[in-house]
Amino acid sequence: MIDIKKLKGEDLFYYIVDNGEREFAEAAQLLMYAEPDRDKALVLLEKMIQDGKRLVAIYPGNGDVPPKSAELVGDIPDGALYLV
């Protein structure tokens, strides 16, 4: 089993997209919308993994409300992506 904390950049991104849980993989893909600068997005993804945090997509049109401790990452189609 691969320790994803040891993966960096694109290797980490593609590992998550190809092997991660569905919700986790989708959130990683949405990260590229929320942070269009690919380098910044990959650094954020690495930091998220190291800090044990996760990405959460919030869709206000569905009645979703971001958790109080959530940090806004950026806009995504029909909603926003948060780090919790």
Protein backbone atom coordinates (compact mmCIF):
# COMPACT_ATOMS: atom_id res chain seq x y z
CA MET A 1 0.00 0.00 0.00
CA ILE A 2 1.25 3.46 -0.89
CA ASP A 3 1.63 6.11 1.81
CA ILE A 4 0.04 9.10 0.09
CA LYS A 5 1.80 11.47 2.49
CA LYS A 6 4.99 10.65 0.58
CA LEU A 7 3.54 11.55 -2.82
CA LYS A 8 4.00 15.05 -4.21
CA GLY A 9 2.46 17.25 -6.89
CA GLU A 10 0.98 15.56 -9.92
CA ASP A 11 1.84 12.10 -8.60
CA LEU A 12 -0.36 12.78 -5.57
CA PHE A 13 -3.16 14.28 -7.65
CA TYR A 14 -3.30 11.39 -10.12
CA TYR A 15 -3.03 8.79 -7.36
CA ILE A 16 -6.05 10.32 -5.60
CA VAL A 17 -8.04 10.62 -8.83
CA ASP A 18 -7.24 7.05 -9.93
CA ASN A 19 -7.25 5.26 -6.56
CA GLY A 20 -9.04 7.41 -4.01
CA GLU A 21 -12.55 7.07 -2.71
CA ARG A 22 -15.06 8.51 -5.17
CA GLU A 23 -15.90 11.59 -3.09
CA PHE A 24 -12.20 12.29 -2.42
CA ALA A 25 -11.30 11.89 -6.12
CA GLU A 26 -14.12 14.22 -7.18
CA ALA A 27 -13.06 16.86 -4.64
CA ALA A 28 -9.47 16.69 -5.91
CA GLN A 29 -10.71 17.27 -9.45
CA LEU A 30 -12.85 20.20 -8.29
CA LEU A 31 -9.74 21.71 -6.73
CA MET A 32 -8.54 22.58 -10.24
CA TYR A 33 -11.65 24.75 -10.69
CA ALA A 34 -11.39 26.36 -7.27
CA GLU A 35 -7.68 27.15 -7.67
CA PRO A 36 -6.93 27.56 -11.39
CA ASP A 37 -3.18 27.96 -10.79
CA ARG A 38 -2.15 24.29 -11.06
CA ASP A 39 1.04 24.74 -9.03
CA LYS A 40 -0.84 26.40 -6.16
CA ALA A 41 -3.55 23.73 -6.31
CA LEU A 42 -0.99 20.92 -6.07
CA VAL A 43 0.77 22.59 -3.13
CA LEU A 44 -2.61 22.97 -1.39
CA LEU A 45 -3.37 19.30 -2.03
CA GLU A 46 -0.03 18.26 -0.50
CA LYS A 47 -0.57 20.48 2.55
CA MET A 48 -4.11 19.15 2.96
CA ILE A 49 -2.84 15.56 3.05
CA GLN A 50 -0.01 16.41 5.45
CA ASP A 51 -2.41 18.25 7.80
CA GLY A 52 -5.04 15.50 7.68
CA LYS A 53 -7.69 17.82 6.25
CA ARG A 54 -10.16 17.24 3.45
CA LEU A 55 -11.93 19.13 0.70
CA VAL A 56 -15.69 19.58 0.84
CA ALA A 57 -17.88 20.81 -2.02
CA ILE A 58 -20.76 23.00 -0.84
CA TYR A 59 -23.73 23.68 -3.11
CA PRO A 60 -25.89 26.50 -1.67
CA GLY A 61 -28.63 25.79 -4.22
CA ASN A 62 -29.10 22.40 -2.53
CA GLY A 63 -29.28 23.99 0.90
CA ASP A 64 -25.67 23.13 1.80
CA VAL A 65 -23.97 25.32 4.39
CA PRO A 66 -20.20 25.31 4.93
CA PRO A 67 -18.98 24.11 8.34
CA LYS A 68 -18.01 26.94 10.68
CA SER A 69 -14.35 25.92 10.70
CA ALA A 70 -14.18 25.63 6.89
CA GLU A 71 -11.68 27.68 4.89
CA LEU A 72 -12.82 28.80 1.43
CA VAL A 73 -10.57 27.48 -1.34
CA GLY A 74 -12.51 28.92 -4.27
CA ASP A 75 -15.54 28.78 -6.52
CA ILE A 76 -16.63 25.67 -8.39
CA PRO A 77 -19.56 25.23 -10.78
CA ASP A 78 -22.77 25.86 -8.79
CA GLY A 79 -20.95 26.17 -5.45
CA ALA A 80 -17.69 26.53 -3.58
CA LEU A 81 -14.90 24.27 -2.37
CA TYR A 82 -13.81 24.39 1.27
CA LEU A 83 -10.97 22.93 3.28
CA VAL A 84 -12.00 21.37 6.61
